[in-house]
Protein backbone atom coordinates (compact mmCIF):
# COMPACT_ATOMS: atom_id res chain seq x y z
CA MET A 1 -0.26 -0.06 -0.06
CA GLY A 2 1.11 3.51 -0.70
CA LYS A 3 2.13 5.68 2.04
CA ASN A 4 -0.15 8.67 3.07
CA ILE A 5 2.16 11.86 2.75
CA LEU A 6 -0.13 14.09 4.66
CA ASN A 7 0.26 12.06 7.67
CA ASN A 8 3.86 12.71 8.01
CA LEU A 9 3.47 16.77 7.58
CA PRO A 10 2.96 18.47 11.06
CA LEU A 11 -0.22 20.75 10.95
CA LYS A 12 1.10 24.43 11.55
CA ILE A 13 -1.16 27.41 11.15
CA GLY A 14 0.45 30.95 11.21
CA ARG A 15 -0.70 33.84 13.24
CA ARG A 16 -1.83 35.57 10.10
CA ASN A 17 -3.71 32.55 9.06
CA PHE A 18 -5.39 32.25 12.44
CA LEU A 19 -6.63 35.70 12.41
CA LYS A 20 -8.15 35.42 9.03
CA LEU A 21 -10.08 32.13 9.95
CA ALA A 22 -11.20 33.50 13.16
CA SER A 23 -12.52 36.72 11.28
CA VAL A 24 -14.62 34.33 8.89
CA GLY A 25 -15.63 32.28 11.40
CA ALA A 26 -16.85 35.25 13.41
CA GLY A 27 -18.55 37.01 10.41
CA LEU A 28 -20.29 33.72 9.77
CA GLY A 29 -21.55 33.38 13.39
CA ILE A 30 -22.91 37.03 13.32
CA SER A 31 -24.58 36.84 9.74
CA ASN A 32 -26.21 33.62 10.89
CA ALA A 33 -27.56 35.13 14.03
CA PHE A 34 -29.15 38.03 11.82
CA ALA A 35 -30.45 35.54 9.38
CA SER A 36 -32.46 33.56 11.85
CA ASN A 37 -34.55 36.38 13.19
CA ASN A 38 -37.13 38.24 11.68
CA SER A 39 -35.03 40.88 10.36
CA ILE A 40 -36.45 40.38 6.80
CA ARG A 41 -39.87 41.42 6.07
CA PRO A 42 -42.41 41.82 3.08
CA ALA A 43 -42.49 45.12 1.26
CA SER A 44 -45.24 47.48 2.06
CA GLN A 45 -47.67 48.60 -0.92
CA GLU A 46 -46.41 51.99 -0.57
CA GLU A 47 -42.65 50.59 -1.10
CA ILE A 48 -43.87 48.46 -4.28
CA LYS A 49 -45.93 51.41 -5.94
CA ASN A 50 -44.42 52.82 -8.95
CA PRO A 51 -43.10 56.49 -8.40
CA PHE A 52 -43.08 57.12 -12.20
CA PRO A 53 -46.36 55.88 -13.43
CA ASN A 54 -46.25 58.12 -16.84
CA SER A 55 -42.62 56.93 -17.66
CA LYS A 56 -41.63 55.19 -20.81
CA MET A 57 -39.04 52.62 -21.30
CA VAL A 58 -36.13 53.38 -23.96
CA LYS A 59 -33.69 51.23 -25.32
CA THR A 60 -30.21 52.35 -25.54
CA ILE A 61 -26.68 51.50 -25.04
CA CYS A 62 -24.03 52.25 -22.42
CA SER A 63 -21.72 54.83 -23.30
CA ILE A 64 -18.72 54.03 -20.94
CA CYS A 65 -16.82 51.79 -23.51
CA SER A 66 -17.03 51.29 -27.02
CA ALA A 67 -18.65 47.84 -26.32
CA GLY A 68 -22.03 49.05 -26.53
CA CYS A 69 -24.00 47.21 -23.86
CA GLY A 70 -27.69 47.25 -23.68
CA ILE A 71 -29.83 49.52 -21.11
CA VAL A 72 -33.41 50.03 -20.90
CA ALA A 73 -33.78 53.68 -19.45
CA GLU A 74 -36.86 54.68 -17.97
CA VAL A 75 -37.79 58.21 -18.99
CA GLN A 76 -40.28 60.84 -17.46
CA ASN A 77 -40.73 64.14 -18.66
CA GLY A 78 -37.47 63.73 -20.61
CA VAL A 79 -35.50 63.05 -17.58
CA TRP A 80 -33.42 59.77 -17.03
CA VAL A 81 -35.17 58.21 -13.88
CA ARG A 82 -34.06 54.61 -13.56
CA GLN A 83 -32.46 51.89 -15.57
CA ASP A 84 -32.54 48.11 -16.30
CA VAL A 85 -30.11 45.80 -18.31
CA ALA A 86 -31.43 44.64 -21.67
CA GLN A 87 -31.99 41.29 -21.50
CA ASP A 88 -32.16 40.46 -25.36
CA HIS A 89 -29.08 42.58 -25.98
CA PRO A 90 -26.81 40.49 -28.45
CA ILE A 91 -23.55 41.89 -26.67
CA SER A 92 -24.16 42.32 -22.99
CA GLU A 93 -27.07 39.49 -22.92
CA GLY A 94 -28.90 41.05 -19.85
CA SER A 95 -25.80 41.92 -17.97
CA HIS A 96 -23.51 44.86 -17.19
CA CYS A 97 -20.34 45.59 -15.89
CA CYS A 98 -19.43 47.67 -12.63
CA LYS A 99 -19.31 50.93 -14.72
CA GLY A 100 -22.50 50.21 -16.92
CA ILE A 101 -24.47 49.49 -13.70
CA ASP A 102 -23.59 53.09 -12.52
CA GLN A 103 -24.15 54.82 -15.90
CA ILE A 104 -27.36 56.64 -14.77
CA ASP A 105 -25.57 58.34 -11.65
CA LEU A 106 -22.61 59.36 -14.14
CA VAL A 107 -24.93 61.10 -16.20
CA LYS A 108 -26.79 62.72 -13.42
CA SER A 109 -24.13 63.74 -11.24
CA LYS A 110 -23.73 67.46 -10.29
CA GLN A 111 -19.80 67.01 -10.55
CA ARG A 112 -20.13 65.94 -14.43
CA VAL A 113 -18.32 68.59 -16.26
CA LYS A 114 -20.59 69.77 -19.29
CA HIS A 115 -18.25 72.82 -20.71
CA PRO A 116 -14.84 73.78 -20.59
CA MET A 117 -13.73 75.21 -17.65
CA LYS A 118 -10.75 76.87 -16.42
CA LYS A 119 -9.08 78.25 -12.85
CA VAL A 120 -8.58 81.63 -12.68
CA ALA A 121 -7.55 83.10 -9.30
CA GLY A 122 -8.77 80.01 -7.33
CA LYS A 123 -12.28 80.08 -8.97
CA TRP A 124 -13.72 77.95 -11.83
CA GLU A 125 -14.60 79.71 -14.96
CA ARG A 126 -16.62 78.66 -17.99
CA ILE A 127 -14.64 79.27 -21.04
CA SER A 128 -15.44 78.60 -24.84
CA TRP A 129 -14.40 75.44 -26.59
CA GLU A 130 -12.44 77.82 -29.08
CA THR A 131 -10.62 79.23 -26.10
CA ALA A 132 -10.13 76.07 -24.30
CA ILE A 133 -8.54 74.45 -28.02
CA LYS A 134 -6.36 77.20 -28.29
CA GLU A 135 -4.70 77.44 -25.00
CA ILE A 136 -4.32 73.62 -24.73
CA SER A 137 -2.81 73.59 -28.20
CA GLU A 138 -0.67 76.71 -27.44
CA LYS A 139 0.77 75.00 -24.34
CA MET A 140 0.99 71.51 -25.81
CA LEU A 141 3.33 72.95 -28.90
CA LYS A 142 5.25 75.08 -26.38
CA LEU A 143 6.21 71.94 -24.37
CA ARG A 144 7.12 69.90 -27.51
CA ALA A 145 9.31 72.76 -28.58
CA GLU A 146 11.18 72.88 -25.15
CA ASN A 147 11.40 69.10 -24.57
CA GLY A 148 10.83 67.22 -27.53
CA PRO A 149 8.00 65.07 -28.66
CA ASP A 150 8.11 62.47 -25.97
CA VAL A 151 7.19 65.09 -23.15
CA ALA A 152 3.73 63.94 -24.06
CA MET A 153 1.89 60.64 -23.13
CA PHE A 154 -1.50 59.94 -25.12
CA LEU A 155 -3.83 57.66 -23.28
CA GLY A 156 -6.60 56.15 -25.57
CA SER A 157 -10.27 55.99 -24.15
CA ALA A 158 -12.32 52.68 -23.65
CA LYS A 159 -14.99 54.94 -25.38
CA PHE A 160 -12.96 54.85 -28.71
CA ASN A 161 -14.43 52.78 -31.91
CA LEU A 162 -11.86 51.34 -34.20
CA GLN A 163 -11.78 54.51 -36.32
CA GLN A 164 -11.34 56.68 -33.67
CA ALA A 165 -8.58 54.68 -32.13
CA PHE A 166 -6.81 54.77 -35.79
CA TYR A 167 -6.83 58.52 -35.69
CA PHE A 168 -5.54 58.78 -32.51
CA ARG A 169 -2.83 56.63 -32.80
CA LYS A 170 -2.19 58.76 -35.97
CA PHE A 171 -2.35 61.96 -33.87
CA ALA A 172 0.53 60.78 -31.69
CA ALA A 173 2.61 59.59 -34.56
CA MET A 174 2.36 63.09 -36.09
CA TRP A 175 3.12 64.52 -32.88
CA GLY A 176 6.29 62.61 -33.28
CA THR A 177 6.20 60.03 -30.37
CA ASN A 178 5.39 56.10 -29.62
CA ASN A 179 4.30 56.91 -25.83
CA ILE A 180 0.64 55.58 -26.08
CA ASP A 181 -1.24 53.71 -24.39
CA HIS A 182 -4.71 52.48 -23.57
CA VAL A 183 -6.97 53.26 -20.29
CA ALA A 184 -7.95 49.82 -20.03
CA ARG A 185 -4.33 48.42 -19.49
CA ILE A 186 -3.98 51.10 -16.96
C-alpha cells in the first residue's frame, strides 16, 4: 500500500492565517444570528408603488466604453429616472459591468463637467471651446518645442471605436512620439 504523505506533515497555522480564519468564523456566526430572526419583512404596498407612473422605457446603449452593452432607460418627462439591463441585447446578454450599472449616476452627477472650465484666481470659470482648444494647443506646442515630442503621453479611451483609435494613434505619430497606451490596460 502507498504511504499517505499528509500524515507525515505537522499541522502548522501561522498567526496571520489564524486571524483570517477567526474573522471569517466570526462573520459567519454574526450573519447566521441575523438570518435566524425576523429581520427581513415583506415590502409594503407603498414601497412597491411605482413612483414614475407616466414613464416610458427606452432601449439605448451604455456609453462607458465602445462595447455597446444594452440598457433599458426609464424616462419620465425627458429625464432619465431609472435603468435596467437589456435582457435581449446581443452584446451584454442581460448583464452589465460595474461601470455600466452606475451609468445613470454618471449622467446625473452634479460633478459632471459639461463645458470647458478654467481655474482663474482659485475659482473655476466657464470658457468657450475655441478658447480651450487654443490655450491647450499652444501649451502643448510650447512643451514639445522645449522638451521634444516624448514630453507627452497619449492615453486612449475605452469609448473609442476602431476608427477613432486609428486616428488617435495617427495623431500621436504626427506629434512625433510612440508614447501611447490605452486606459483599459492601466
